[in-house]
Amino acid sequence: MSYNEPPPPPPPGYGAAPQPPYGGQPASNSGKAIASMVTGLIGLITLCCGLFVVASITALILGIIARKEIRASNGALKGDGMALTGIITGVIGLLLFIVSIALVASGVIDTNLDYSTS
């Protein structure tokens, strides 16, 4: 071999990126965790309407179920933070609902929308 000749090509597979083992799929987000976060945020945004109670309860239930599924998946699912966000926003929505019921019952908030001046 002389110094003027290019080196021989590398053997097949040399220098290639290592292949992940079979079944090594990346973790995907839990759909229930995403739904929990979205319904929890909807529950807080629609605080002035009656819809926030249903959304808050849904967020709380979906968040609890999603966290259980994520823990049981051994890394196949991710989204624990989104599920936790749904749980927290669901609890806040339910607490605000209880406070608003107490304020209406005590008369602090007047639900009589009669604004006539006569």
PDB file of N, CA and C in Angstrom:
ATOM      1  N   MET A   1       0.849  -1.163   0.000  1.00  0.00           N
ATOM      2  CA  MET A   1       0.000   0.000   0.000  1.00  0.00           C
ATOM      3  C   MET A   1       0.898   1.231   0.000  1.00  0.00           C
ATOM      4  N   SER A   2       0.588   2.168  -0.861  1.00  0.00           N
ATOM      5  CA  SER A   2       1.370   3.398  -0.911  1.00  0.00           C
ATOM      6  C   SER A   2       0.590   4.513  -0.265  1.00  0.00           C
ATOM      7  N   TYR A   3       1.254   5.602  -0.047  1.00  0.00           N
ATOM      8  CA  TYR A   3       0.613   6.737   0.609  1.00  0.00           C
ATOM      9  C   TYR A   3      -0.280   7.523  -0.336  1.00  0.00           C
ATOM     10  N   ASN A   4      -0.263   7.262  -1.593  1.00  0.00           N
ATOM     11  CA  ASN A   4      -1.067   7.999  -2.572  1.00  0.00           C
ATOM     12  C   ASN A   4      -2.442   7.386  -2.767  1.00  0.00           C
ATOM     13  N   GLU A   5      -2.657   6.168  -2.339  1.00  0.00           N
ATOM     14  CA  GLU A   5      -3.936   5.506  -2.526  1.00  0.00           C
ATOM     15  C   GLU A   5      -4.875   5.854  -1.367  1.00  0.00           C
ATOM     16  N   PRO A   6      -6.173   6.036  -1.669  1.00  0.00           N
ATOM     17  CA  PRO A   6      -7.109   6.299  -0.559  1.00  0.00           C
ATOM     18  C   PRO A   6      -7.270   5.059   0.300  1.00  0.00           C
ATOM     19  N   PRO A   7      -7.643   5.253   1.551  1.00  0.00           N
ATOM     20  CA  PRO A   7      -7.820   4.089   2.429  1.00  0.00           C
ATOM     21  C   PRO A   7      -9.023   3.272   1.971  1.00  0.00           C
ATOM     22  N   PRO A   8      -9.077   2.009   2.317  1.00  0.00           N
ATOM     23  CA  PRO A   8     -10.220   1.183   1.922  1.00  0.00           C
ATOM     24  C   PRO A   8     -11.487   1.636   2.648  1.00  0.00           C
ATOM     25  N   PRO A   9     -12.650   1.380   2.062  1.00  0.00           N
ATOM     26  CA  PRO A   9     -13.902   1.798   2.719  1.00  0.00           C
ATOM     27  C   PRO A   9     -14.104   1.034   4.027  1.00  0.00           C
ATOM     28  N   PRO A  10     -14.820   1.671   4.985  1.00  0.00           N
ATOM     29  CA  PRO A  10     -15.051   0.988   6.260  1.00  0.00           C
ATOM     30  C   PRO A  10     -16.002  -0.194   6.065  1.00  0.00           C
ATOM     31  N   PRO A  11     -15.946  -1.154   6.961  1.00  0.00           N
ATOM     32  CA  PRO A  11     -16.862  -2.296   6.841  1.00  0.00           C
ATOM     33  C   PRO A  11     -18.312  -1.851   7.018  1.00  0.00           C
ATOM     34  N   PRO A  12     -19.260  -2.601   6.498  1.00  0.00           N
ATOM     35  CA  PRO A  12     -20.684  -2.220   6.624  1.00  0.00           C
ATOM     36  C   PRO A  12     -21.092  -2.100   8.090  1.00  0.00           C
ATOM     37  N   GLY A  13     -21.817  -1.042   8.372  1.00  0.00           N
ATOM     38  CA  GLY A  13     -22.305  -0.809   9.727  1.00  0.00           C
ATOM     39  C   GLY A  13     -21.340  -0.050  10.608  1.00  0.00           C
ATOM     40  N   TYR A  14     -20.114   0.143  10.160  1.00  0.00           N
ATOM     41  CA  TYR A  14     -19.124   0.850  10.966  1.00  0.00           C
ATOM     42  C   TYR A  14     -19.428   2.344  10.941  1.00  0.00           C
ATOM     43  N   GLY A  15     -19.515   2.976  12.069  1.00  0.00           N
ATOM     44  CA  GLY A  15     -19.757   4.415  12.150  1.00  0.00           C
ATOM     45  C   GLY A  15     -21.220   4.793  12.071  1.00  0.00           C
ATOM     46  N   ALA A  16     -22.100   3.835  11.856  1.00  0.00           N
ATOM     47  CA  ALA A  16     -23.531   4.132  11.800  1.00  0.00           C
ATOM     48  C   ALA A  16     -24.071   4.345  13.212  1.00  0.00           C
ATOM     49  N   ALA A  17     -25.139   5.076  13.306  1.00  0.00           N
ATOM     50  CA  ALA A  17     -25.759   5.311  14.610  1.00  0.00           C
ATOM     51  C   ALA A  17     -26.284   3.997  15.169  1.00  0.00           C
ATOM     52  N   PRO A  18     -26.114   3.781  16.452  1.00  0.00           N
ATOM     53  CA  PRO A  18     -26.618   2.518  17.026  1.00  0.00           C
ATOM     54  C   PRO A  18     -28.136   2.451  16.926  1.00  0.00           C
ATOM     55  N   GLN A  19     -28.629   1.288  16.616  1.00  0.00           N
ATOM     56  CA  GLN A  19     -30.065   1.074  16.481  1.00  0.00           C
ATOM     57  C   GLN A  19     -30.671   0.803  17.849  1.00  0.00           C
ATOM     58  N   PRO A  20     -31.842   1.382  18.117  1.00  0.00           N
ATOM     59  CA  PRO A  20     -32.491   1.068  19.396  1.00  0.00           C
ATOM     60  C   PRO A  20     -32.936  -0.388  19.407  1.00  0.00           C
ATOM     61  N   PRO A  21     -33.015  -0.986  20.568  1.00  0.00           N
ATOM     62  CA  PRO A  21     -33.463  -2.378  20.621  1.00  0.00           C
ATOM     63  C   PRO A  21     -34.903  -2.496  20.135  1.00  0.00           C
ATOM     64  N   TYR A  22     -35.254  -3.679  19.713  1.00  0.00           N
ATOM     65  CA  TYR A  22     -36.613  -3.905  19.231  1.00  0.00           C
ATOM     66  C   TYR A  22     -37.616  -3.593  20.325  1.00  0.00           C
ATOM     67  N   GLY A  23     -38.686  -2.916  19.954  1.00  0.00           N
ATOM     68  CA  GLY A  23     -39.713  -2.551  20.920  1.00  0.00           C
ATOM     69  C   GLY A  23     -39.352  -1.303  21.710  1.00  0.00           C
ATOM     70  N   GLY A  24     -38.255  -0.663  21.377  1.00  0.00           N
ATOM     71  CA  GLY A  24     -37.840   0.539  22.089  1.00  0.00           C
ATOM     72  C   GLY A  24     -38.552   1.764  21.555  1.00  0.00           C
ATOM     73  N   GLN A  25     -39.835   1.834  21.766  1.00  0.00           N
ATOM     74  CA  GLN A  25     -40.626   2.956  21.271  1.00  0.00           C
ATOM     75  C   GLN A  25     -40.508   4.124  22.234  1.00  0.00           C
ATOM     76  N   PRO A  26     -40.484   5.353  21.717  1.00  0.00           N
ATOM     77  CA  PRO A  26     -40.442   6.493  22.634  1.00  0.00           C
ATOM     78  C   PRO A  26     -41.747   6.623  23.412  1.00  0.00           C
ATOM     79  N   ALA A  27     -41.640   7.198  24.591  1.00  0.00           N
ATOM     80  CA  ALA A  27     -42.825   7.374  25.437  1.00  0.00           C
ATOM     81  C   ALA A  27     -43.766   8.381  24.793  1.00  0.00           C
ATOM     82  N   SER A  28     -45.059   8.115  24.892  1.00  0.00           N
ATOM     83  CA  SER A  28     -46.051   9.029  24.338  1.00  0.00           C
ATOM     84  C   SER A  28     -46.849   9.659  25.475  1.00  0.00           C
ATOM     85  N   ASN A  29     -47.432  10.799  25.181  1.00  0.00           N
ATOM     86  CA  ASN A  29     -48.232  11.496  26.185  1.00  0.00           C
ATOM     87  C   ASN A  29     -49.547  10.760  26.400  1.00  0.00           C
ATOM     88  N   SER A  30     -49.970  10.752  27.634  1.00  0.00           N
ATOM     89  CA  SER A  30     -51.256  10.147  27.982  1.00  0.00           C
ATOM     90  C   SER A  30     -52.380  11.071  27.527  1.00  0.00           C
ATOM     91  N   GLY A  31     -53.324  10.518  26.805  1.00  0.00           N
ATOM     92  CA  GLY A  31     -54.469  11.310  26.344  1.00  0.00           C
ATOM     93  C   GLY A  31     -55.330  11.795  27.500  1.00  0.00           C
ATOM     94  N   LYS A  32     -55.427  10.975  28.541  1.00  0.00           N
ATOM     95  CA  LYS A  32     -56.216  11.372  29.707  1.00  0.00           C
ATOM     96  C   LYS A  32     -55.535  12.522  30.455  1.00  0.00           C
ATOM     97  N   ALA A  33     -54.209  12.531  30.458  1.00  0.00           N
ATOM     98  CA  ALA A  33     -53.490  13.624  31.113  1.00  0.00           C
ATOM     99  C   ALA A  33     -53.721  14.934  30.365  1.00  0.00           C
ATOM    100  N   ILE A  34     -53.689  14.871  29.042  1.00  0.00           N
ATOM    101  CA  ILE A  34     -53.941  16.070  28.237  1.00  0.00           C
ATOM    102  C   ILE A  34     -55.373  16.551  28.451  1.00  0.00           C
ATOM    103  N   ALA A  35     -56.331  15.621  28.424  1.00  0.00           N
ATOM    104  CA  ALA A  35     -57.737  15.985  28.622  1.00  0.00           C
ATOM    105  C   ALA A  35     -57.964  16.560  30.015  1.00  0.00           C
ATOM    106  N   SER A  36     -57.273  16.024  31.000  1.00  0.00           N
ATOM    107  CA  SER A  36     -57.398  16.533  32.364  1.00  0.00           C
ATOM    108  C   SER A  36     -56.929  17.972  32.454  1.00  0.00           C
ATOM    109  N   MET A  37     -55.776  18.243  31.858  1.00  0.00           N
ATOM    110  CA  MET A  37     -55.242  19.604  31.894  1.00  0.00           C
ATOM    111  C   MET A  37     -56.159  20.581  31.152  1.00  0.00           C
ATOM    112  N   VAL A  38     -56.633  20.167  29.983  1.00  0.00           N
ATOM    113  CA  VAL A  38     -57.491  21.052  29.183  1.00  0.00           C
ATOM    114  C   VAL A  38     -58.813  21.325  29.897  1.00  0.00           C
ATOM    115  N   THR A  39     -59.462  20.295  30.430  1.00  0.00           N
ATOM    116  CA  THR A  39     -60.743  20.528  31.107  1.00  0.00           C
ATOM    117  C   THR A  39     -60.557  21.315  32.407  1.00  0.00           C
ATOM    118  N   GLY A  40     -59.431  21.133  33.064  1.00  0.00           N
ATOM    119  CA  GLY A  40     -59.161  21.930  34.261  1.00  0.00           C
ATOM    120  C   GLY A  40     -59.004  23.408  33.931  1.00  0.00           C
ATOM    121  N   LEU A  41     -58.295  23.692  32.854  1.00  0.00           N
ATOM    122  CA  LEU A  41     -58.126  25.096  32.442  1.00  0.00           C
ATOM    123  C   LEU A  41     -59.440  25.682  31.936  1.00  0.00           C
ATOM    124  N   ILE A  42     -60.230  24.888  31.234  1.00  0.00           N
ATOM    125  CA  ILE A  42     -61.554  25.357  30.794  1.00  0.00           C
ATOM    126  C   ILE A  42     -62.422  25.655  32.006  1.00  0.00           C
ATOM    127  N   GLY A  43     -62.317  24.813  33.016  1.00  0.00           N
ATOM    128  CA  GLY A  43     -63.090  25.042  34.239  1.00  0.00           C
ATOM    129  C   GLY A  43     -62.738  26.358  34.906  1.00  0.00           C
ATOM    130  N   LEU A  44     -61.468  26.737  34.878  1.00  0.00           N
ATOM    131  CA  LEU A  44     -61.084  28.017  35.478  1.00  0.00           C
ATOM    132  C   LEU A  44     -61.448  29.200  34.588  1.00  0.00           C
ATOM    133  N   ILE A  45     -61.362  29.013  33.271  1.00  0.00           N
ATOM    134  CA  ILE A  45     -61.684  30.113  32.353  1.00  0.00           C
ATOM    135  C   ILE A  45     -63.182  30.406  32.368  1.00  0.00           C
ATOM    136  N   THR A  46     -64.007  29.375  32.476  1.00  0.00           N
ATOM    137  CA  THR A  46     -65.467  29.556  32.453  1.00  0.00           C
ATOM    138  C   THR A  46     -66.018  29.683  33.871  1.00  0.00           C
ATOM    139  N   LEU A  47     -65.281  30.327  34.730  1.00  0.00           N
ATOM    140  CA  LEU A  47     -65.670  30.464  36.129  1.00  0.00           C
ATOM    141  C   LEU A  47     -66.985  31.217  36.293  1.00  0.00           C
ATOM    142  N   CYS A  48     -67.275  32.150  35.395  1.00  0.00           N
ATOM    143  CA  CYS A  48     -68.494  32.943  35.524  1.00  0.00           C
ATOM    144  C   CYS A  48     -69.743  32.153  35.113  1.00  0.00           C
ATOM    145  N   CYS A  49     -69.571  31.060  34.401  1.00  0.00           N
ATOM    146  CA  CYS A  49     -70.693  30.242  33.951  1.00  0.00           C
ATOM    147  C   CYS A  49     -70.887  29.057  34.889  1.00  0.00           C
ATOM    148  N   GLY A  50     -71.903  28.284  34.659  1.00  0.00           N
ATOM    149  CA  GLY A  50     -72.120  27.091  35.455  1.00  0.00           C
ATOM    150  C   GLY A  50     -71.343  25.895  34.939  1.00  0.00           C
ATOM    151  N   LEU A  51     -70.666  26.050  33.791  1.00  0.00           N
ATOM    152  CA  LEU A  51     -69.946  24.956  33.159  1.00  0.00           C
ATOM    153  C   LEU A  51     -68.699  24.554  33.943  1.00  0.00           C
ATOM    154  N   PHE A  52     -68.160  25.447  34.743  1.00  0.00           N
ATOM    155  CA  PHE A  52     -66.878  25.172  35.385  1.00  0.00           C
ATOM    156  C   PHE A  52     -66.953  24.036  36.392  1.00  0.00           C
ATOM    157  N   VAL A  53     -68.112  23.767  36.947  1.00  0.00           N
ATOM    158  CA  VAL A  53     -68.228  22.670  37.916  1.00  0.00           C
ATOM    159  C   VAL A  53     -68.045  21.328  37.219  1.00  0.00           C
ATOM    160  N   VAL A  54     -68.689  21.143  36.089  1.00  0.00           N
ATOM    161  CA  VAL A  54     -68.579  19.889  35.344  1.00  0.00           C
ATOM    162  C   VAL A  54     -67.155  19.699  34.838  1.00  0.00           C
ATOM    163  N   ALA A  55     -66.563  20.767  34.311  1.00  0.00           N
ATOM    164  CA  ALA A  55     -65.193  20.677  33.804  1.00  0.00           C
ATOM    165  C   ALA A  55     -64.211  20.402  34.934  1.00  0.00           C
ATOM    166  N   SER A  56     -64.419  20.994  36.088  1.00  0.00           N
ATOM    167  CA  SER A  56     -63.510  20.788  37.217  1.00  0.00           C
ATOM    168  C   SER A  56     -63.581  19.358  37.737  1.00  0.00           C
ATOM    169  N   ILE A  57     -64.789  18.809  37.827  1.00  0.00           N
ATOM    170  CA  ILE A  57     -64.940  17.421  38.273  1.00  0.00           C
ATOM    171  C   ILE A  57     -64.303  16.470  37.254  1.00  0.00           C
ATOM    172  N   THR A  58     -64.520  16.736  35.966  1.00  0.00           N
ATOM    173  CA  THR A  58     -63.925  15.910  34.918  1.00  0.00           C
ATOM    174  C   THR A  58     -62.407  15.962  34.978  1.00  0.00           C
ATOM    175  N   ALA A  59     -61.854  17.154  35.175  1.00  0.00           N
ATOM    176  CA  ALA A  59     -60.400  17.305  35.257  1.00  0.00           C
ATOM    177  C   ALA A  59     -59.833  16.533  36.436  1.00  0.00           C
ATOM    178  N   LEU A  60     -60.505  16.588  37.551  1.00  0.00           N
ATOM    179  CA  LEU A  60     -60.051  15.886  38.745  1.00  0.00           C
ATOM    180  C   LEU A  60     -60.052  14.364  38.528  1.00  0.00           C
ATOM    181  N   ILE A  61     -61.127  13.836  37.991  1.00  0.00           N
ATOM    182  CA  ILE A  61     -61.239  12.391  37.770  1.00  0.00           C
ATOM    183  C   ILE A  61     -60.228  11.913  36.723  1.00  0.00           C
ATOM    184  N   LEU A  62     -60.149  12.624  35.591  1.00  0.00           N
ATOM    185  CA  LEU A  62     -59.212  12.227  34.543  1.00  0.00           C
ATOM    186  C   LEU A  62     -57.765  12.331  35.016  1.00  0.00           C
ATOM    187  N   GLY A  63     -57.461  13.338  35.815  1.00  0.00           N
ATOM    188  CA  GLY A  63     -56.103  13.492  36.319  1.00  0.00           C
ATOM    189  C   GLY A  63     -55.682  12.351  37.223  1.00  0.00           C
ATOM    190  N   ILE A  64     -56.583  11.921  38.081  1.00  0.00           N
ATOM    191  CA  ILE A  64     -56.273  10.809  38.988  1.00  0.00           C
ATOM    192  C   ILE A  64     -56.079   9.516  38.195  1.00  0.00           C
ATOM    193  N   ILE A  65     -56.978   9.266  37.236  1.00  0.00           N
ATOM    194  CA  ILE A  65     -56.861   8.058  36.415  1.00  0.00           C
ATOM    195  C   ILE A  65     -55.581   8.090  35.586  1.00  0.00           C
ATOM    196  N   ALA A  66     -55.264   9.243  35.001  1.00  0.00           N
ATOM    197  CA  ALA A  66     -54.073   9.359  34.160  1.00  0.00           C
ATOM    198  C   ALA A  66     -52.797   9.122  34.965  1.00  0.00           C
ATOM    199  N   ARG A  67     -52.724   9.661  36.169  1.00  0.00           N
ATOM    200  CA  ARG A  67     -51.512   9.455  36.982  1.00  0.00           C
ATOM    201  C   ARG A  67     -51.332   7.977  37.337  1.00  0.00           C
ATOM    202  N   LYS A  68     -52.435   7.280  37.613  1.00  0.00           N
ATOM    203  CA  LYS A  68     -52.333   5.847  37.901  1.00  0.00           C
ATOM    204  C   LYS A  68     -51.836   5.088  36.672  1.00  0.00           C
ATOM    205  N   GLU A  69     -52.368   5.426  35.490  1.00  0.00           N
ATOM    206  CA  GLU A  69     -51.951   4.745  34.269  1.00  0.00           C
ATOM    207  C   GLU A  69     -50.497   5.051  33.921  1.00  0.00           C
ATOM    208  N   ILE A  70     -50.064   6.286  34.148  1.00  0.00           N
ATOM    209  CA  ILE A  70     -48.686   6.663  33.842  1.00  0.00           C
ATOM    210  C   ILE A  70     -47.723   5.908  34.749  1.00  0.00           C
ATOM    211  N   ARG A  71     -48.052   5.798  36.022  1.00  0.00           N
ATOM    212  CA  ARG A  71     -47.182   5.056  36.946  1.00  0.00           C
ATOM    213  C   ARG A  71     -47.147   3.566  36.598  1.00  0.00           C
ATOM    214  N   ALA A  72     -48.266   3.025  36.164  1.00  0.00           N
ATOM    215  CA  ALA A  72     -48.331   1.599  35.849  1.00  0.00           C
ATOM    216  C   ALA A  72     -47.688   1.256  34.497  1.00  0.00           C
ATOM    217  N   SER A  73     -47.433   2.262  33.650  1.00  0.00           N
ATOM    218  CA  SER A  73     -46.909   1.997  32.311  1.00  0.00           C
ATOM    219  C   SER A  73     -45.395   1.780  32.288  1.00  0.00           C
ATOM    220  N   ASN A  74     -44.713   1.998  33.394  1.00  0.00           N
ATOM    221  CA  ASN A  74     -43.260   1.817  33.476  1.00  0.00           C
ATOM    222  C   ASN A  74     -42.497   2.597  32.409  1.00  0.00           C
ATOM    223  N   GLY A  75     -42.879   3.839  32.202  1.00  0.00           N
ATOM    224  CA  GLY A  75     -42.167   4.701  31.272  1.00  0.00           C
ATOM    225  C   GLY A  75     -42.728   4.737  29.869  1.00  0.00           C
ATOM    226  N   ALA A  76     -43.715   3.921  29.555  1.00  0.00           N
ATOM    227  CA  ALA A  76     -44.291   3.932  28.211  1.00  0.00           C
ATOM    228  C   ALA A  76     -45.171   5.152  28.000  1.00  0.00           C
ATOM    229  N   LEU A  77     -45.723   5.704  29.066  1.00  0.00           N
ATOM    230  CA  LEU A  77     -46.548   6.906  28.984  1.00  0.00           C
ATOM    231  C   LEU A  77     -45.887   8.021  29.781  1.00  0.00           C
ATOM    232  N   LYS A  78     -46.063   9.225  29.310  1.00  0.00           N
ATOM    233  CA  LYS A  78     -45.597  10.379  30.061  1.00  0.00           C
ATOM    234  C   LYS A  78     -46.737  11.392  30.135  1.00  0.00           C
ATOM    235  N   GLY A  79     -46.550  12.427  30.916  1.00  0.00           N
ATOM    236  CA  GLY A  79     -47.591  13.442  31.074  1.00  0.00           C
ATOM    237  C   GLY A  79     -48.042  13.590  32.511  1.00  0.00           C
ATOM    238  N   ASP A  80     -47.195  13.163  33.444  1.00  0.00           N
ATOM    239  CA  ASP A  80     -47.556  13.248  34.858  1.00  0.00           C
ATOM    240  C   ASP A  80     -47.789  14.701  35.272  1.00  0.00           C
ATOM    241  N   GLY A  81     -47.013  15.618  34.730  1.00  0.00           N
ATOM    242  CA  GLY A  81     -47.187  17.035  35.056  1.00  0.00           C
ATOM    243  C   GLY A  81     -48.515  17.587  34.555  1.00  0.00           C
ATOM    244  N   MET A  82     -48.918  17.147  33.365  1.00  0.00           N
ATOM    245  CA  MET A  82     -50.210  17.589  32.836  1.00  0.00           C
ATOM    246  C   MET A  82     -51.355  17.040  33.670  1.00  0.00           C
ATOM    247  N   ALA A  83     -51.225  15.786  34.093  1.00  0.00           N
ATOM    248  CA  ALA A  83     -52.261  15.194  34.943  1.00  0.00           C
ATOM    249  C   ALA A  83     -52.330  15.921  36.281  1.00  0.00           C
ATOM    250  N   LEU A  84     -51.177  16.257  36.829  1.00  0.00           N
ATOM    251  CA  LEU A  84     -51.148  16.990  38.098  1.00  0.00           C
ATOM    252  C   LEU A  84     -51.753  18.388  37.939  1.00  0.00           C
ATOM    253  N   THR A  85     -51.490  19.027  36.804  1.00  0.00           N
ATOM    254  CA  THR A  85     -52.107  20.330  36.525  1.00  0.00           C
ATOM    255  C   THR A  85     -53.624  20.210  36.473  1.00  0.00           C
ATOM    256  N   GLY A  86     -54.126  19.159  35.852  1.00  0.00           N
ATOM    257  CA  GLY A  86     -55.570  18.928  35.797  1.00  0.00           C
ATOM    258  C   GLY A  86     -56.164  18.708  37.171  1.00  0.00           C
ATOM    259  N   ILE A  87     -55.452  17.951  38.009  1.00  0.00           N
ATOM    260  CA  ILE A  87     -55.946  17.715  39.372  1.00  0.00           C
ATOM    261  C   ILE A  87     -55.989  19.026  40.157  1.00  0.00           C
ATOM    262  N   ILE A  88     -54.920  19.796  40.074  1.00  0.00           N
ATOM    263  CA  ILE A  88     -54.859  21.058  40.836  1.00  0.00           C
ATOM    264  C   ILE A  88     -55.911  22.038  40.364  1.00  0.00           C
ATOM    265  N   THR A  89     -56.054  22.219  39.046  1.00  0.00           N
ATOM    266  CA  THR A  89     -57.060  23.158  38.547  1.00  0.00           C
ATOM    267  C   THR A  89     -58.472  22.657  38.838  1.00  0.00           C
ATOM    268  N   GLY A  90     -58.664  21.336  38.835  1.00  0.00           N
ATOM    269  CA  GLY A  90     -59.979  20.787  39.190  1.00  0.00           C
ATOM    270  C   GLY A  90     -60.332  21.067  40.636  1.00  0.00           C
ATOM    271  N   VAL A  91     -59.367  20.897  41.535  1.00  0.00           N
ATOM    272  CA  VAL A  91     -59.608  21.180  42.957  1.00  0.00           C
ATOM    273  C   VAL A  91     -59.870  22.666  43.169  1.00  0.00           C
ATOM    274  N   ILE A  92     -59.097  23.525  42.504  1.00  0.00           N
ATOM    275  CA  ILE A  92     -59.318  24.977  42.635  1.00  0.00           C
ATOM    276  C   ILE A  92     -60.718  25.339  42.145  1.00  0.00           C
ATOM    277  N   GLY A  93     -61.133  24.765  41.017  1.00  0.00           N
ATOM    278  CA  GLY A  93     -62.471  25.037  40.497  1.00  0.00           C
ATOM    279  C   GLY A  93     -63.565  24.600  41.452  1.00  0.00           C
ATOM    280  N   LEU A  94     -63.390  23.422  42.055  1.00  0.00           N
ATOM    281  CA  LEU A  94     -64.394  22.949  43.018  1.00  0.00           C
ATOM    282  C   LEU A  94     -64.419  23.817  44.271  1.00  0.00           C
ATOM    283  N   LEU A  95     -63.253  24.249  44.739  1.00  0.00           N
ATOM    284  CA  LEU A  95     -63.220  25.142  45.909  1.00  0.00           C
ATOM    285  C   LEU A  95     -63.889  26.476  45.608  1.00  0.00           C
ATOM    286  N   LEU A  96     -63.650  27.006  44.420  1.00  0.00           N
ATOM    287  CA  LEU A  96     -64.301  28.269  44.044  1.00  0.00           C
ATOM    288  C   LEU A  96     -65.810  28.088  43.926  1.00  0.00           C
ATOM    289  N   PHE A  97     -66.245  26.925  43.470  1.00  0.00           N
ATOM    290  CA  PHE A  97     -67.678  26.646  43.402  1.00  0.00           C
ATOM    291  C   PHE A  97     -68.283  26.633  44.807  1.00  0.00           C
ATOM    292  N   ILE A  98     -67.616  25.983  45.741  1.00  0.00           N
ATOM    293  CA  ILE A  98     -68.123  25.934  47.121  1.00  0.00           C
ATOM    294  C   ILE A  98     -68.165  27.325  47.734  1.00  0.00           C
ATOM    295  N   VAL A  99     -67.134  28.136  47.481  1.00  0.00           N
ATOM    296  CA  VAL A  99     -67.114  29.510  48.002  1.00  0.00           C
ATOM    297  C   VAL A  99     -68.244  30.327  47.390  1.00  0.00           C
ATOM    298  N   SER A 100     -68.484  30.160  46.078  1.00  0.00           N
ATOM    299  CA  SER A 100     -69.556  30.939  45.445  1.00  0.00           C
ATOM    300  C   SER A 100     -70.927  30.524  45.972  1.00  0.00           C
ATOM    301  N   ILE A 101     -71.131  29.238  46.236  1.00  0.00           N
ATOM    302  CA  ILE A 101     -72.402  28.789  46.823  1.00  0.00           C
ATOM    303  C   ILE A 101     -72.587  29.414  48.208  1.00  0.00           C
ATOM    304  N   ALA A 102     -71.517  29.431  48.986  1.00  0.00           N
ATOM    305  CA  ALA A 102     -71.606  30.015  50.325  1.00  0.00           C
ATOM    306  C   ALA A 102     -71.897  31.514  50.255  1.00  0.00           C
ATOM    307  N   LEU A 103     -71.304  32.224  49.287  1.00  0.00           N
ATOM    308  CA  LEU A 103     -71.547  33.663  49.159  1.00  0.00           C
ATOM    309  C   LEU A 103     -72.967  33.955  48.699  1.00  0.00           C
ATOM    310  N   VAL A 104     -73.495  33.130  47.815  1.00  0.00           N
ATOM    311  CA  VAL A 104     -74.878  33.320  47.366  1.00  0.00           C
ATOM    312  C   VAL A 104     -75.844  32.989  48.505  1.00  0.00           C
ATOM    313  N   ALA A 105     -75.562  31.928  49.241  1.00  0.00           N
ATOM    314  CA  ALA A 105     -76.453  31.526  50.336  1.00  0.00           C
ATOM    315  C   ALA A 105     -76.460  32.553  51.461  1.00  0.00           C
ATOM    316  N   SER A 106     -75.329  33.208  51.699  1.00  0.00           N
ATOM    317  CA  SER A 106     -75.277  34.195  52.776  1.00  0.00           C
ATOM    318  C   SER A 106     -75.798  35.563  52.332  1.00  0.00           C
ATOM    319  N   GLY A 107     -76.045  35.739  51.052  1.00  0.00           N
ATOM    320  CA  GLY A 107     -76.580  36.999  50.562  1.00  0.00           C
ATOM    321  C   GLY A 107     -75.525  38.009  50.166  1.00  0.00           C
ATOM    322  N   VAL A 108     -74.273  37.666  50.229  1.00  0.00           N
ATOM    323  CA  VAL A 108     -73.210  38.590  49.820  1.00  0.00           C
ATOM    324  C   VAL A 108     -73.291  38.850  48.327  1.00  0.00           C
ATOM    325  N   ILE A 109     -73.589  37.810  47.554  1.00  0.00           N
ATOM    326  CA  ILE A 109     -73.786  37.958  46.112  1.00  0.00           C
ATOM    327  C   ILE A 109     -75.277  37.897  45.856  1.00  0.00           C
ATOM    328  N   ASP A 110     -75.797  38.929  45.206  1.00  0.00           N
ATOM    329  CA  ASP A 110     -77.223  39.001  44.915  1.00  0.00           C
ATOM    330  C   ASP A 110     -77.473  38.392  43.543  1.00  0.00           C
ATOM    331  N   THR A 111     -78.279  37.357  43.502  1.00  0.00           N
ATOM    332  CA  THR A 111     -78.589  36.723  42.224  1.00  0.00           C
ATOM    333  C   THR A 111     -79.871  37.279  41.609  1.00  0.00           C
ATOM    334  N   ASN A 112     -80.518  38.209  42.264  1.00  0.00           N
ATOM    335  CA  ASN A 112     -81.686  38.854  41.725  1.00  0.00           C
ATOM    336  C   ASN A 112     -81.195  39.923  40.752  1.00  0.00           C
ATOM    337  N   LEU A 113     -81.370  39.695  39.488  1.00  0.00           N
ATOM    338  CA  LEU A 113     -80.851  40.610  38.478  1.00  0.00           C
ATOM    339  C   LEU A 113     -81.879  41.647  38.044  1.00  0.00           C
ATOM    340  N   ASP A 114     -82.750  42.040  38.932  1.00  0.00           N
ATOM    341  CA  ASP A 114     -83.750  43.067  38.647  1.00  0.00           C
ATOM    342  C   ASP A 114     -83.140  44.434  38.948  1.00  0.00           C
ATOM    343  N   TYR A 115     -82.817  45.177  37.905  1.00  0.00           N
ATOM    344  CA  TYR A 115     -82.170  46.471  38.076  1.00  0.00           C
ATOM    345  C   TYR A 115     -83.101  47.626  37.737  1.00  0.00           C
ATOM    346  N   SER A 116     -84.389  47.436  37.914  1.00  0.00           N
ATOM    347  CA  SER A 116     -85.315  48.521  37.601  1.00  0.00           C
ATOM    348  C   SER A 116     -85.204  49.626  38.637  1.00  0.00           C
ATOM    349  N   THR A 117     -85.388  50.848  38.217  1.00  0.00           N
ATOM    350  CA  THR A 117     -85.250  52.003  39.108  1.00  0.00           C
ATOM    351  C   THR A 117     -86.595  52.610  39.490  1.00  0.00           C
ATOM    352  N   SER A 118     -87.680  51.950  39.181  1.00  0.00           N
ATOM    353  CA  SER A 118     -88.991  52.525  39.473  1.00  0.00           C
ATOM    354  C   SER A 118     -89.474  52.233  40.861  1.00  0.00           C
TER     355      SER A 118
END
